[in-house]
């Protein structure tokens, strides 16, 4: 199957936006990068399996939140925000890189 997007570039893009935002500076950088990397992998796999079906943001959010709770239970109060920010930044990455277009 043809690659949908460059996974490493997506991780780098999202991490950069998170660093600029600065809301998660209290997390260890390796923990945050590990979580974002896992989010990209989950999101990518979901997109590959979609085919022509529409992207279900609620379903992806739940999958990402479950992964975040598993990887970063010590930051439980912040994980909903982290997942929301990831989804916003990933969407922007896909738009900026020309992988999606809005009508």
PDB file of N, CA and C in Angstrom:
ATOM      1  N   UNK A   1       0.840  -1.192   0.000  1.00  0.00           N
ATOM      2  CA  UNK A   1       0.000   0.000   0.000  1.00  0.00           C
ATOM      3  C   UNK A   1       0.880   1.249   0.000  1.00  0.00           C
ATOM      4  N   UNK A   2       0.505   2.220  -0.782  1.00  0.00           N
ATOM      5  CA  UNK A   2       1.240   3.469  -0.864  1.00  0.00           C
ATOM      6  C   UNK A   2       1.174   4.216   0.469  1.00  0.00           C
ATOM      7  N   UNK A   3       2.297   4.830   0.839  1.00  0.00           N
ATOM      8  CA  UNK A   3       2.338   5.566   2.096  1.00  0.00           C
ATOM      9  C   UNK A   3       1.425   6.768   2.030  1.00  0.00           C
ATOM     10  N   UNK A   4       0.660   6.973   3.104  1.00  0.00           N
ATOM     11  CA  UNK A   4      -0.270   8.094   3.150  1.00  0.00           C
ATOM     12  C   UNK A   4       0.452   9.401   3.441  1.00  0.00           C
ATOM     13  N   UNK A   5       1.398   9.369   4.361  1.00  0.00           N
ATOM     14  CA  UNK A   5       2.187  10.538   4.715  1.00  0.00           C
ATOM     15  C   UNK A   5       3.454  10.072   5.404  1.00  0.00           C
ATOM     16  N   UNK A   6       4.398  10.975   5.526  1.00  0.00           N
ATOM     17  CA  UNK A   6       5.663  10.658   6.179  1.00  0.00           C
ATOM     18  C   UNK A   6       5.463  10.677   7.692  1.00  0.00           C
ATOM     19  N   UNK A   7       5.502   9.514   8.297  1.00  0.00           N
ATOM     20  CA  UNK A   7       5.251   9.351   9.726  1.00  0.00           C
ATOM     21  C   UNK A   7       6.194  10.196  10.573  1.00  0.00           C
ATOM     22  N   UNK A   8       7.493  10.144  10.263  1.00  0.00           N
ATOM     23  CA  UNK A   8       8.472  10.883  11.056  1.00  0.00           C
ATOM     24  C   UNK A   8       8.262  12.387  10.945  1.00  0.00           C
ATOM     25  N   UNK A   9       7.908  12.845   9.755  1.00  0.00           N
ATOM     26  CA  UNK A   9       7.624  14.275   9.573  1.00  0.00           C
ATOM     27  C   UNK A   9       6.386  14.684  10.376  1.00  0.00           C
ATOM     28  N   UNK A  10       5.398  13.810  10.423  1.00  0.00           N
ATOM     29  CA  UNK A  10       4.191  14.102  11.198  1.00  0.00           C
ATOM     30  C   UNK A  10       4.525  14.230  12.684  1.00  0.00           C
ATOM     31  N   UNK A  11       5.326  13.306  13.203  1.00  0.00           N
ATOM     32  CA  UNK A  11       5.727  13.368  14.622  1.00  0.00           C
ATOM     33  C   UNK A  11       6.480  14.662  14.875  1.00  0.00           C
ATOM     34  N   UNK A  12       7.432  14.974  14.002  1.00  0.00           N
ATOM     35  CA  UNK A  12       8.235  16.189  14.180  1.00  0.00           C
ATOM     36  C   UNK A  12       7.351  17.441  14.147  1.00  0.00           C
ATOM     37  N   UNK A  13       6.411  17.481  13.228  1.00  0.00           N
ATOM     38  CA  UNK A  13       5.506  18.619  13.085  1.00  0.00           C
ATOM     39  C   UNK A  13       4.673  18.815  14.354  1.00  0.00           C
ATOM     40  N   UNK A  14       4.056  17.737  14.822  1.00  0.00           N
ATOM     41  CA  UNK A  14       3.205  17.824  16.009  1.00  0.00           C
ATOM     42  C   UNK A  14       4.042  18.194  17.238  1.00  0.00           C
ATOM     43  N   UNK A  15       5.211  17.574  17.388  1.00  0.00           N
ATOM     44  CA  UNK A  15       6.084  17.890  18.529  1.00  0.00           C
ATOM     45  C   UNK A  15       6.485  19.363  18.507  1.00  0.00           C
ATOM     46  N   UNK A  16       6.809  19.877  17.339  1.00  0.00           N
ATOM     47  CA  UNK A  16       7.185  21.281  17.230  1.00  0.00           C
ATOM     48  C   UNK A  16       6.042  22.189  17.686  1.00  0.00           C
ATOM     49  N   UNK A  17       4.835  21.894  17.222  1.00  0.00           N
ATOM     50  CA  UNK A  17       3.685  22.699  17.630  1.00  0.00           C
ATOM     51  C   UNK A  17       3.437  22.604  19.135  1.00  0.00           C
ATOM     52  N   UNK A  18       3.631  21.424  19.704  1.00  0.00           N
ATOM     53  CA  UNK A  18       3.455  21.273  21.146  1.00  0.00           C
ATOM     54  C   UNK A  18       4.506  22.079  21.913  1.00  0.00           C
ATOM     55  N   UNK A  19       5.739  22.073  21.425  1.00  0.00           N
ATOM     56  CA  UNK A  19       6.791  22.858  22.081  1.00  0.00           C
ATOM     57  C   UNK A  19       6.498  24.351  21.982  1.00  0.00           C
ATOM     58  N   UNK A  20       6.039  24.800  20.825  1.00  0.00           N
ATOM     59  CA  UNK A  20       5.695  26.211  20.653  1.00  0.00           C
ATOM     60  C   UNK A  20       4.562  26.593  21.595  1.00  0.00           C
ATOM     61  N   UNK A  21       3.555  25.736  21.682  1.00  0.00           N
ATOM     62  CA  UNK A  21       2.417  25.979  22.561  1.00  0.00           C
ATOM     63  C   UNK A  21       2.869  26.053  24.020  1.00  0.00           C
ATOM     64  N   UNK A  22       3.761  25.156  24.412  1.00  0.00           N
ATOM     65  CA  UNK A  22       4.350  25.185  25.743  1.00  0.00           C
ATOM     66  C   UNK A  22       3.489  24.672  26.881  1.00  0.00           C
ATOM     67  N   UNK A  23       2.322  24.134  26.577  1.00  0.00           N
ATOM     68  CA  UNK A  23       1.416  23.683  27.637  1.00  0.00           C
ATOM     69  C   UNK A  23       1.841  22.373  28.292  1.00  0.00           C
ATOM     70  N   UNK A  24       2.768  21.662  27.687  1.00  0.00           N
ATOM     71  CA  UNK A  24       3.166  20.354  28.213  1.00  0.00           C
ATOM     72  C   UNK A  24       4.647  20.309  28.568  1.00  0.00           C
ATOM     73  N   UNK A  25       5.208  21.486  28.887  1.00  0.00           N
ATOM     74  CA  UNK A  25       6.625  21.574  29.253  1.00  0.00           C
ATOM     75  C   UNK A  25       6.963  20.790  30.517  1.00  0.00           C
ATOM     76  N   UNK A  26       5.976  20.493  31.320  1.00  0.00           N
ATOM     77  CA  UNK A  26       6.208  19.760  32.560  1.00  0.00           C
ATOM     78  C   UNK A  26       6.427  18.260  32.318  1.00  0.00           C
ATOM     79  N   UNK A  27       6.089  17.788  31.127  1.00  0.00           N
ATOM     80  CA  UNK A  27       6.290  16.374  30.797  1.00  0.00           C
ATOM     81  C   UNK A  27       7.735  16.164  30.347  1.00  0.00           C
ATOM     82  N   UNK A  28       8.249  14.981  30.625  1.00  0.00           N
ATOM     83  CA  UNK A  28       9.575  14.635  30.137  1.00  0.00           C
ATOM     84  C   UNK A  28       9.504  14.555  28.611  1.00  0.00           C
ATOM     85  N   UNK A  29      10.469  15.176  27.916  1.00  0.00           N
ATOM     86  CA  UNK A  29      10.408  15.184  26.442  1.00  0.00           C
ATOM     87  C   UNK A  29      10.301  13.792  25.833  1.00  0.00           C
ATOM     88  N   UNK A  30      11.000  12.816  26.401  1.00  0.00           N
ATOM     89  CA  UNK A  30      10.948  11.465  25.832  1.00  0.00           C
ATOM     90  C   UNK A  30       9.574  10.825  26.037  1.00  0.00           C
ATOM     91  N   UNK A  31       8.901  11.152  27.137  1.00  0.00           N
ATOM     92  CA  UNK A  31       7.547  10.636  27.365  1.00  0.00           C
ATOM     93  C   UNK A  31       6.572  11.234  26.354  1.00  0.00           C
ATOM     94  N   UNK A  32       6.694  12.538  26.175  1.00  0.00           N
ATOM     95  CA  UNK A  32       5.802  13.224  25.251  1.00  0.00           C
ATOM     96  C   UNK A  32       6.020  12.734  23.820  1.00  0.00           C
ATOM     97  N   UNK A  33       7.268  12.617  23.410  1.00  0.00           N
ATOM     98  CA  UNK A  33       7.549  12.158  22.051  1.00  0.00           C
ATOM     99  C   UNK A  33       7.096  10.719  21.837  1.00  0.00           C
ATOM    100  N   UNK A  34       7.253   9.878  22.849  1.00  0.00           N
ATOM    101  CA  UNK A  34       6.795   8.497  22.754  1.00  0.00           C
ATOM    102  C   UNK A  34       5.275   8.446  22.572  1.00  0.00           C
ATOM    103  N   UNK A  35       4.566   9.282  23.321  1.00  0.00           N
ATOM    104  CA  UNK A  35       3.107   9.318  23.212  1.00  0.00           C
ATOM    105  C   UNK A  35       2.679   9.825  21.837  1.00  0.00           C
ATOM    106  N   UNK A  36       3.298  10.904  21.368  1.00  0.00           N
ATOM    107  CA  UNK A  36       2.934  11.462  20.067  1.00  0.00           C
ATOM    108  C   UNK A  36       3.246  10.467  18.958  1.00  0.00           C
ATOM    109  N   UNK A  37       4.360   9.792  19.072  1.00  0.00           N
ATOM    110  CA  UNK A  37       4.724   8.768  18.097  1.00  0.00           C
ATOM    111  C   UNK A  37       3.663   7.672  18.054  1.00  0.00           C
ATOM    112  N   UNK A  38       3.216   7.242  19.220  1.00  0.00           N
ATOM    113  CA  UNK A  38       2.157   6.223  19.288  1.00  0.00           C
ATOM    114  C   UNK A  38       0.854   6.757  18.699  1.00  0.00           C
ATOM    115  N   UNK A  39       0.527   8.021  18.972  1.00  0.00           N
ATOM    116  CA  UNK A  39      -0.688   8.624  18.418  1.00  0.00           C
ATOM    117  C   UNK A  39      -0.643   8.608  16.884  1.00  0.00           C
ATOM    118  N   UNK A  40       0.494   8.997  16.328  1.00  0.00           N
ATOM    119  CA  UNK A  40       0.628   9.024  14.864  1.00  0.00           C
ATOM    120  C   UNK A  40       0.451   7.615  14.308  1.00  0.00           C
ATOM    121  N   UNK A  41       1.049   6.623  14.971  1.00  0.00           N
ATOM    122  CA  UNK A  41       0.913   5.240  14.502  1.00  0.00           C
ATOM    123  C   UNK A  41      -0.538   4.775  14.539  1.00  0.00           C
ATOM    124  N   UNK A  42      -1.238   5.091  15.615  1.00  0.00           N
ATOM    125  CA  UNK A  42      -2.649   4.700  15.751  1.00  0.00           C
ATOM    126  C   UNK A  42      -3.493   5.400  14.688  1.00  0.00           C
ATOM    127  N   UNK A  43      -3.272   6.683  14.538  1.00  0.00           N
ATOM    128  CA  UNK A  43      -4.024   7.484  13.573  1.00  0.00           C
ATOM    129  C   UNK A  43      -3.752   6.997  12.146  1.00  0.00           C
ATOM    130  N   UNK A  44      -2.501   6.732  11.835  1.00  0.00           N
ATOM    131  CA  UNK A  44      -2.101   6.257  10.504  1.00  0.00           C
ATOM    132  C   UNK A  44      -2.768   4.919  10.196  1.00  0.00           C
ATOM    133  N   UNK A  45      -2.701   4.009  11.153  1.00  0.00           N
ATOM    134  CA  UNK A  45      -3.321   2.690  10.946  1.00  0.00           C
ATOM    135  C   UNK A  45      -4.829   2.834  10.712  1.00  0.00           C
ATOM    136  N   UNK A  46      -5.460   3.689  11.503  1.00  0.00           N
ATOM    137  CA  UNK A  46      -6.891   3.924  11.339  1.00  0.00           C
ATOM    138  C   UNK A  46      -7.193   4.456   9.932  1.00  0.00           C
ATOM    139  N   UNK A  47      -6.394   5.430   9.479  1.00  0.00           N
ATOM    140  CA  UNK A  47      -6.619   6.007   8.156  1.00  0.00           C
ATOM    141  C   UNK A  47      -6.418   4.973   7.049  1.00  0.00           C
ATOM    142  N   UNK A  48      -5.443   4.092   7.219  1.00  0.00           N
ATOM    143  CA  UNK A  48      -5.208   3.043   6.225  1.00  0.00           C
ATOM    144  C   UNK A  48      -6.400   2.096   6.125  1.00  0.00           C
ATOM    145  N   UNK A  49      -7.007   1.811   7.254  1.00  0.00           N
ATOM    146  CA  UNK A  49      -8.121   0.863   7.290  1.00  0.00           C
ATOM    147  C   UNK A  49      -9.435   1.470   6.825  1.00  0.00           C
ATOM    148  N   UNK A  50      -9.497   2.791   6.736  1.00  0.00           N
ATOM    149  CA  UNK A  50     -10.742   3.472   6.380  1.00  0.00           C
ATOM    150  C   UNK A  50     -11.240   3.171   4.980  1.00  0.00           C
ATOM    151  N   UNK A  51     -10.322   3.122   4.048  1.00  0.00           N
ATOM    152  CA  UNK A  51     -10.757   3.025   2.660  1.00  0.00           C
ATOM    153  C   UNK A  51     -11.481   4.299   2.277  1.00  0.00           C
ATOM    154  N   UNK A  52     -12.699   4.166   1.807  1.00  0.00           N
ATOM    155  CA  UNK A  52     -13.491   5.331   1.391  1.00  0.00           C
ATOM    156  C   UNK A  52     -14.434   5.835   2.490  1.00  0.00           C
ATOM    157  N   UNK A  53     -14.395   5.192   3.628  1.00  0.00           N
ATOM    158  CA  UNK A  53     -15.260   5.601   4.740  1.00  0.00           C
ATOM    159  C   UNK A  53     -14.800   6.947   5.304  1.00  0.00           C
ATOM    160  N   UNK A  54     -15.719   7.728   5.870  1.00  0.00           N
ATOM    161  CA  UNK A  54     -15.328   9.010   6.467  1.00  0.00           C
ATOM    162  C   UNK A  54     -14.544   8.805   7.775  1.00  0.00           C
ATOM    163  N   UNK A  55     -13.658   9.727   8.039  1.00  0.00           N
ATOM    164  CA  UNK A  55     -12.843   9.732   9.261  1.00  0.00           C
ATOM    165  C   UNK A  55     -13.743  10.072  10.442  1.00  0.00           C
ATOM    166  N   UNK A  56     -13.770   9.212  11.443  1.00  0.00           N
ATOM    167  CA  UNK A  56     -14.614   9.399  12.622  1.00  0.00           C
ATOM    168  C   UNK A  56     -13.754   9.960  13.760  1.00  0.00           C
ATOM    169  N   UNK A  57     -13.797  11.276  13.929  1.00  0.00           N
ATOM    170  CA  UNK A  57     -12.969  11.933  14.948  1.00  0.00           C
ATOM    171  C   UNK A  57     -13.236  11.405  16.355  1.00  0.00           C
ATOM    172  N   UNK A  58     -14.483  11.113  16.657  1.00  0.00           N
ATOM    173  CA  UNK A  58     -14.812  10.612  17.995  1.00  0.00           C
ATOM    174  C   UNK A  58     -14.169   9.249  18.254  1.00  0.00           C
ATOM    175  N   UNK A  59     -14.210   8.383  17.265  1.00  0.00           N
ATOM    176  CA  UNK A  59     -13.606   7.054  17.420  1.00  0.00           C
ATOM    177  C   UNK A  59     -12.098   7.167  17.587  1.00  0.00           C
ATOM    178  N   UNK A  60     -11.466   8.022  16.781  1.00  0.00           N
ATOM    179  CA  UNK A  60     -10.021   8.207  16.882  1.00  0.00           C
ATOM    180  C   UNK A  60      -9.667   8.814  18.225  1.00  0.00           C
ATOM    181  N   UNK A  61     -10.429   9.801  18.653  1.00  0.00           N
ATOM    182  CA  UNK A  61     -10.186  10.434  19.955  1.00  0.00           C
ATOM    183  C   UNK A  61     -10.183   9.384  21.068  1.00  0.00           C
ATOM    184  N   UNK A  62     -11.155   8.497  21.055  1.00  0.00           N
ATOM    185  CA  UNK A  62     -11.245   7.464  22.095  1.00  0.00           C
ATOM    186  C   UNK A  62     -10.045   6.513  22.045  1.00  0.00           C
ATOM    187  N   UNK A  63      -9.623   6.138  20.836  1.00  0.00           N
ATOM    188  CA  UNK A  63      -8.449   5.262  20.713  1.00  0.00           C
ATOM    189  C   UNK A  63      -7.193   5.956  21.230  1.00  0.00           C
ATOM    190  N   UNK A  64      -7.028   7.221  20.872  1.00  0.00           N
ATOM    191  CA  UNK A  64      -5.846   7.968  21.304  1.00  0.00           C
ATOM    192  C   UNK A  64      -5.854   8.209  22.807  1.00  0.00           C
ATOM    193  N   UNK A  65      -7.012   8.512  23.351  1.00  0.00           N
ATOM    194  CA  UNK A  65      -7.103   8.737  24.792  1.00  0.00           C
ATOM    195  C   UNK A  65      -6.782   7.457  25.563  1.00  0.00           C
ATOM    196  N   UNK A  66      -7.242   6.329  25.081  1.00  0.00           N
ATOM    197  CA  UNK A  66      -6.921   5.050  25.720  1.00  0.00           C
ATOM    198  C   UNK A  66      -5.412   4.806  25.692  1.00  0.00           C
ATOM    199  N   UNK A  67      -4.785   5.083  24.555  1.00  0.00           N
ATOM    200  CA  UNK A  67      -3.327   4.909  24.440  1.00  0.00           C
ATOM    201  C   UNK A  67      -2.597   5.878  25.364  1.00  0.00           C
ATOM    202  N   UNK A  68      -3.082   7.100  25.463  1.00  0.00           N
ATOM    203  CA  UNK A  68      -2.461   8.095  26.335  1.00  0.00           C
ATOM    204  C   UNK A  68      -2.560   7.669  27.797  1.00  0.00           C
ATOM    205  N   UNK A  69      -3.724   7.176  28.193  1.00  0.00           N
ATOM    206  CA  UNK A  69      -3.905   6.729  29.580  1.00  0.00           C
ATOM    207  C   UNK A  69      -3.006   5.540  29.903  1.00  0.00           C
ATOM    208  N   UNK A  70      -2.767   4.703  28.914  1.00  0.00           N
ATOM    209  CA  UNK A  70      -1.895   3.547  29.114  1.00  0.00           C
ATOM    210  C   UNK A  70      -0.432   3.977  29.238  1.00  0.00           C
ATOM    211  N   UNK A  71      -0.008   4.912  28.392  1.00  0.00           N
ATOM    212  CA  UNK A  71       1.393   5.334  28.360  1.00  0.00           C
ATOM    213  C   UNK A  71       1.744   6.364  29.430  1.00  0.00           C
ATOM    214  N   UNK A  72       0.804   7.236  29.758  1.00  0.00           N
ATOM    215  CA  UNK A  72       1.105   8.374  30.633  1.00  0.00           C
ATOM    216  C   UNK A  72       0.098   8.507  31.779  1.00  0.00           C
ATOM    217  N   UNK A  73      -0.127   7.450  32.541  1.00  0.00           N
ATOM    218  CA  UNK A  73      -1.143   7.532  33.589  1.00  0.00           C
ATOM    219  C   UNK A  73      -0.847   8.602  34.636  1.00  0.00           C
ATOM    220  N   UNK A  74       0.412   8.945  34.810  1.00  0.00           N
ATOM    221  CA  UNK A  74       0.788   9.957  35.796  1.00  0.00           C
ATOM    222  C   UNK A  74       0.308  11.363  35.405  1.00  0.00           C
ATOM    223  N   UNK A  75      -0.109  11.557  34.165  1.00  0.00           N
ATOM    224  CA  UNK A  75      -0.578  12.863  33.690  1.00  0.00           C
ATOM    225  C   UNK A  75      -2.071  12.847  33.352  1.00  0.00           C
ATOM    226  N   UNK A  76      -2.789  11.954  33.987  1.00  0.00           N
ATOM    227  CA  UNK A  76      -4.197  11.699  33.658  1.00  0.00           C
ATOM    228  C   UNK A  76      -5.025  12.975  33.455  1.00  0.00           C
ATOM    229  N   UNK A  77      -4.839  13.966  34.306  1.00  0.00           N
ATOM    230  CA  UNK A  77      -5.654  15.185  34.201  1.00  0.00           C
ATOM    231  C   UNK A  77      -5.387  15.998  32.939  1.00  0.00           C
ATOM    232  N   UNK A  78      -4.277  15.755  32.282  1.00  0.00           N
ATOM    233  CA  UNK A  78      -3.888  16.545  31.113  1.00  0.00           C
ATOM    234  C   UNK A  78      -4.084  15.811  29.784  1.00  0.00           C
ATOM    235  N   UNK A  79      -4.451  14.561  29.846  1.00  0.00           N
ATOM    236  CA  UNK A  79      -4.429  13.741  28.635  1.00  0.00           C
ATOM    237  C   UNK A  79      -5.524  14.087  27.630  1.00  0.00           C
ATOM    238  N   UNK A  80      -6.684  14.495  28.101  1.00  0.00           N
ATOM    239  CA  UNK A  80      -7.740  14.881  27.164  1.00  0.00           C
ATOM    240  C   UNK A  80      -7.268  16.068  26.327  1.00  0.00           C
ATOM    241  N   UNK A  81      -6.642  17.019  26.971  1.00  0.00           N
ATOM    242  CA  UNK A  81      -6.126  18.205  26.270  1.00  0.00           C
ATOM    243  C   UNK A  81      -5.004  17.812  25.309  1.00  0.00           C
ATOM    244  N   UNK A  82      -4.129  16.910  25.740  1.00  0.00           N
ATOM    245  CA  UNK A  82      -3.037  16.462  24.880  1.00  0.00           C
ATOM    246  C   UNK A  82      -3.584  15.817  23.612  1.00  0.00           C
ATOM    247  N   UNK A  83      -4.577  14.963  23.746  1.00  0.00           N
ATOM    248  CA  UNK A  83      -5.168  14.293  22.581  1.00  0.00           C
ATOM    249  C   UNK A  83      -5.848  15.321  21.670  1.00  0.00           C
ATOM    250  N   UNK A  84      -6.559  16.266  22.253  1.00  0.00           N
ATOM    251  CA  UNK A  84      -7.214  17.304  21.449  1.00  0.00           C
ATOM    252  C   UNK A  84      -6.185  18.126  20.681  1.00  0.00           C
ATOM    253  N   UNK A  85      -5.108  18.517  21.365  1.00  0.00           N
ATOM    254  CA  UNK A  85      -4.059  19.283  20.694  1.00  0.00           C
ATOM    255  C   UNK A  85      -3.411  18.460  19.590  1.00  0.00           C
ATOM    256  N   UNK A  86      -3.131  17.201  19.881  1.00  0.00           N
ATOM    257  CA  UNK A  86      -2.565  16.321  18.843  1.00  0.00           C
ATOM    258  C   UNK A  86      -3.470  16.319  17.605  1.00  0.00           C
ATOM    259  N   UNK A  87      -4.754  16.122  17.816  1.00  0.00           N
ATOM    260  CA  UNK A  87      -5.676  16.029  16.683  1.00  0.00           C
ATOM    261  C   UNK A  87      -5.703  17.329  15.879  1.00  0.00           C
ATOM    262  N   UNK A  88      -5.675  18.462  16.565  1.00  0.00           N
ATOM    263  CA  UNK A  88      -5.644  19.753  15.872  1.00  0.00           C
ATOM    264  C   UNK A  88      -4.359  19.915  15.070  1.00  0.00           C
ATOM    265  N   UNK A  89      -3.223  19.596  15.696  1.00  0.00           N
ATOM    266  CA  UNK A  89      -1.934  19.776  15.031  1.00  0.00           C
ATOM    267  C   UNK A  89      -1.755  18.776  13.885  1.00  0.00           C
ATOM    268  N   UNK A  90      -2.237  17.566  14.061  1.00  0.00           N
ATOM    269  CA  UNK A  90      -2.132  16.565  13.005  1.00  0.00           C
ATOM    270  C   UNK A  90      -2.991  16.973  11.808  1.00  0.00           C
ATOM    271  N   UNK A  91      -4.170  17.470  12.084  1.00  0.00           N
ATOM    272  CA  UNK A  91      -5.029  17.951  11.002  1.00  0.00           C
ATOM    273  C   UNK A  91      -4.325  19.063  10.230  1.00  0.00           C
ATOM    274  N   UNK A  92      -3.699  19.982  10.951  1.00  0.00           N
ATOM    275  CA  UNK A  92      -3.000  21.074  10.293  1.00  0.00           C
ATOM    276  C   UNK A  92      -1.816  20.559   9.474  1.00  0.00           C
ATOM    277  N   UNK A  93      -1.110  19.557   9.997  1.00  0.00           N
ATOM    278  CA  UNK A  93      -0.019  18.942   9.248  1.00  0.00           C
ATOM    279  C   UNK A  93      -0.534  18.379   7.922  1.00  0.00           C
ATOM    280  N   UNK A  94      -1.624  17.638   7.980  1.00  0.00           N
ATOM    281  CA  UNK A  94      -2.180  17.019   6.776  1.00  0.00           C
ATOM    282  C   UNK A  94      -2.613  18.066   5.759  1.00  0.00           C
ATOM    283  N   UNK A  95      -3.168  19.186   6.241  1.00  0.00           N
ATOM    284  CA  UNK A  95      -3.569  20.272   5.348  1.00  0.00           C
ATOM    285  C   UNK A  95      -2.331  20.960   4.777  1.00  0.00           C
ATOM    286  N   UNK A  96      -1.389  21.313   5.653  1.00  0.00           N
ATOM    287  CA  UNK A  96      -0.177  22.036   5.209  1.00  0.00           C
ATOM    288  C   UNK A  96       0.620  21.240   4.184  1.00  0.00           C
ATOM    289  N   UNK A  97       0.660  19.926   4.341  1.00  0.00           N
ATOM    290  CA  UNK A  97       1.430  19.077   3.443  1.00  0.00           C
ATOM    291  C   UNK A  97       0.634  18.633   2.207  1.00  0.00           C
ATOM    292  N   UNK A  98      -0.629  19.053   2.127  1.00  0.00           N
ATOM    293  CA  UNK A  98      -1.445  18.762   0.947  1.00  0.00           C
ATOM    294  C   UNK A  98      -2.043  17.366   0.918  1.00  0.00           C
ATOM    295  N   UNK A  99      -2.127  16.713   2.066  1.00  0.00           N
ATOM    296  CA  UNK A  99      -2.709  15.369   2.103  1.00  0.00           C
ATOM    297  C   UNK A  99      -4.226  15.392   2.156  1.00  0.00           C
ATOM    298  N   UNK A 100      -4.793  16.482   2.623  1.00  0.00           N
ATOM    299  CA  UNK A 100      -6.246  16.630   2.640  1.00  0.00           C
ATOM    300  C   UNK A 100      -6.594  18.031   2.163  1.00  0.00           C
ATOM    301  N   UNK A 101      -7.781  18.154   1.628  1.00  0.00           N
ATOM    302  CA  UNK A 101      -8.302  19.439   1.197  1.00  0.00           C
ATOM    303  C   UNK A 101      -9.708  19.570   1.756  1.00  0.00           C
ATOM    304  N   UNK A 102     -10.048  20.767   2.120  1.00  0.00           N
ATOM    305  CA  UNK A 102     -11.406  21.041   2.585  1.00  0.00           C
ATOM    306  C   UNK A 102     -12.178  21.695   1.480  1.00  0.00           C
ATOM    307  N   UNK A 103     -13.416  21.270   1.275  1.00  0.00           N
ATOM    308  CA  UNK A 103     -14.270  21.852   0.226  1.00  0.00           C
ATOM    309  C   UNK A 103     -14.725  23.230   0.619  1.00  0.00           C
TER     310      UNK A 103
END
